[in-house]
Structure formats: C-alpha cells, structure tokens
Amino acid sequence: MRLKRFMAQGIDSRKNDARRGEDRDSDLSLRWSGRVSLTRRILAVNIFALAMLAGGFFYLDSYRSRIVDSRVAQAKREARLIAEALAAAQPQARHALTIVLARSTGTRLRLFDSTGALTGDSRAMGLRNFTLIDPDTESSGARAGRFLDALIDTVVGAERAPLYRERRAGQTWPDVPLAQRTRRPVATVWRAPDRTPVITAAAPLPGNAVVMTSINARDITQTVRLERFRLSLVLLVVTIASILLSLFLARTIVRPLRRLARAAVRVRLGRAREVVVPRLPSRGDEIGMLARALSDMSQALRARIDATEAFAADVTHEMKNPLASLRSAVEGLGMVHDPVLQERLLAIVRDDVHRLDRLISDISEASRLDAQLSRAKFEPVDIGAMIDALLAARTARGIERGVQMRADHRHDRPLLVLGEDARLERVFENLIDNAISFSPDDGVIAISMASQGRDVEIAVEDDGPGVPEESRDQVFRRFQSIRPAAEAFGKHSGLGLAIARTIIEGHQGKIAVESRGDKHSGARFVVKLPRAETS
C-alpha cells in the first residue's frame, strides 16, 4: 500500500510539474510564426526592413510633386513678369521682345486676343525651344523608366495629369479663359507622351488679351529617375548584404541548434550512453551556453540513470536476504512440531517482517527525496534550538548502555539556516542514532555548533572506533555501512547516512566524516549549511 501511495504521489507531482511547465511555455509561445523555421524568420525580418527602405521610392514621388509645385509657382511668376514687360513695350517692339523673353526663359510664348485668337507665337517667329519627344524613338532604358514611373504612380495612387495636345484657339486652353476671368496668372500641369511634365501658364494683358507660356520640364523627370537609380543601387547592395548576413546568422544559429536537437532526440530515445552532446567550447554566446548546459544535463542524466540502475540492483539484493530468511522460516514452520523451535522460527519471521518494513520505508524516502527537496519551501531554522529539542526528547525516552549526550553552542544569538525543519531534523536524528550505535558503554556524544564565516558548522563526535580513512566516502553510499560487531544483523537499512547526505546537499550544504581533533578515538561527522542572512 505504501508503494502504491508513493507511486500515486509521484504521478500527481509529475502532472502538476507538467501543468506548470505548460503555463510557463505559453508565455514564450509563438502563434503563427512558431510554425516557420528560424532561417526563414531571420530572412523575413531582414527583408521586411529592406521593404521599409524600398519605401524611399514612394518618398521620391512626393519629392517630384514638390518640385512640380515649385515649378508651377515659378511659371506663374514668369508669366506675370512677361505680361508686364509686353504691356510696357511699344507695339512695334513686342515681336522682338517676345523672342528675347522666350529665349531667356526657355519657354514657348503665345499671345491671344480677347476672343482667343492666336496673335503671336515664338515658334512661328523661328524659335523652336519647345519640342516633345516621341516615346517610340527612345531607348529601352527610357522605356523601362516610363514603366517604373507608371507603376509607382499606380501604387501610390498619384493623380494622373491630362495628356498634352496642341491647340490653336485660346479658348481651348483651360488657362486662357481662366486668366481672362480672374485677371491673375494661372497654370496647368500636363503629361507629355514620354510621361515628362509640361507646364503651361497664362497671365492677362491689357485689353483682355493673354500671354501663355509652355515648357517641357524634362529635368524634373531626369532628377527623379537619377535619384531612383541611386536608391536602387543602394537597395540592391543592401539587399545582397542583408541576405548574406541573414544566411550567415542563420548558419551560426540554426546549425548548432539542429545538432543539439538531434542529440537531445537521441537522448530521449534512450541512447544517452552513446550520445555525445557537442559543448561548442569556442562559442561564448548563448548558443555555447545552451550547448554546455545540455551537455552537462545529459551527463547528469547519464549519472542519474547509472545511479538508478545501481539503486535498483542494491534494493533487489537487500530485499532478497530477508525474503530468503523469511521463506526458510515459513517453510520450516510447516515441518517443525517442537513448540520451542516454532517460537524461534516465528521470532525470525517477525524480525524479517520488521526488517522488510523498515527497509521499504527507508527506500521510499530515499527515492523521493530529490523531488521533494526541489519543491520544498525553505524558511529560517534555528539549528541550535532544533538540536537542543532533539537531545531533550532523546534523553526523555532514555538512551541505552548509559550513553550521554551534550550540546556545545552559544545561546546569545540564534544559528539560522534556510531549510526545511523536518528534513534537517531527520539528518541529525540519523547522525545521533549512528553515534549511539558506535559509542561504547557510558560513552559521550558531543554536538558542537558554531558560525564559520558564511556557514553554520555542526559537528557530532562519538567515542567509538571511528571510520577508516579509506571508508569515509563509502559510508555515505546507499546500502554501504560499517556496523558495530556487537549489533544484531538487520537493525539498520544502510540508508541513514545516504539520506542525510541527500538532504544536506539539497540544502546547498556539505557533510563529511573525519577523525577527532583531540587525539581520542571516535568519529566526527561535520555538517556545513549556508547561514541565513538576518536583517
């Protein structure tokens, strides 16, 4: 029943740990991106940054719009100044002045009367400074530039200017009647066949006449395309460098992670003994830390498996002895009719049953100590008060063979350690029981306690034969004990000191056995526990 109860507790504990682990993992989980490989995620993040850099193409569109707006304002000013100059000139000088103004401003000038009829044209006067390019005669690079212009205008939703067409009558131009009505300069932006902007501006003249300027602002398109080309080169270089760096980063992260994952899978499949987890000693980053942590974990797991196998073998061996004795005694009871012999066999049966019960209890406690200590909540414990209470209770029950016990420590200040009270009591109970077993009749057991730097040191000394130097590590192993010659066989399970060491190490302390320092025979068990900081 005890074993079933222990197994049930272990299963419940593992379920609770699994639930807590799932709760912690949910905080670190990645929803949709968790299904994408790490290499693709690194590439996606860097490409997203490049896409943001590619947004500079859209900035160039707004840059072009600002340039066009400034050129429109400039065209209005030029049209107004030209109108003022022509209005101030004599009628016979307007022809020559028109040529001079058209040449100096780089525009085509046209004059319309109040009815919209054309009265003057710088082109008809012989100045051909306004020409449109036929897109069919352009190079493939220019055609690619026009395609890219159209694509970006479509993506950003830019307003498309009307196509520029030559007109004879002034009323067919939107600028001429508007300038006549408002008596102020107006301008319009057109789109040439090669997608370059054409800007027309009109300004009123005396007598409701109008002067109109026209210019093909190819330099705006050339400037934007040049900046776009430079940005493309930068984007291309940055893209190549980003992809190469992303692949390098993925290689330095993903490859070692895959090696570690394969090793972990082999460990999970039960091949821990033949798996060598790479430690990556040349890496000082988090990957190296993870590799070394996994390597240490696999070695600890291997040691735990070996310890479990050894423990199982020891348990089998220790339980076979009382079981064999019990079986022999039970078989003998069926063949023996002498009441005296039957009573002896029954005594053997009782002793073996008690021995098995004690052995199972100690095995159960030893096997679950690690798990229980990992979940224990440590609190300040006064070691001096604890040992005083243990000695008082032991003395009240009576000590066999006249053995005496005394405690030596200062009572002016508590000796506090962080730990679990019940577990620490078990340690010192085992040490006291061990000391009583080895003490001679009327022997003295001395327990001293003192603060040593950051530790609290507790020493338990007896007057027994002591522990040979070559056996001082052996006595802390499971089922490995050196018992007094006069002690009846089976009184101890051989797990007391092993349990004590497990508890002390679970409290980040140390336990060892040494010879007494006062030249007397006997053993001296020393326990060191970290001292609790007092506020």
Foldseek 3Di string as FASTA:
>chain_A
DVVVVLVVVVVVLVVVVVVVVVVVVVVVDDDPCVVPDPLVVLLVVLVVVLVVLVCVLLVLVVVLVVVVVVVLVVQQVLQAVLQVVLQPDDPVCNQVSQLVSCVVVLWWKWKAAQQQATDDTNVVVPDDSADADDVVPDDPVLVVLLVVVVVSCVVVVPDAFAEDDDDGGRVVDVQLVVCLVVQGKDKGWHAYPSRFIKMKMWHAHPNSMIMMIIHGPVVSSVVSVVVVVVSVVVSVVSSVVSSVVSVVVCCVPVVLVVQQVVLVVCVVVVNLVPGQQDQPVVDPDVSNVVSVVSRVVSVVVVVVVVLVVVLVVVLVVLLVVLVVLLVVLVVVCVVDDDPVSVVVSVVSNVLSVVLVVQLVVLSSCLVCVVVCLVPDFWDKDQPVVLVVVVQVVDVVVPAPLQEEEDEDDDDPDTFIFTDDSVLQSLLVVLVVVQQSQQAHRNKYWYWYWDDDVQKIKIKIKTQGQEDDPVCFVVLLDAQRHDGDPPDDPSPDRSHSNVSSQSRLVSQVKGWTKDADPVPGGIIMIMIIGGTDDDD
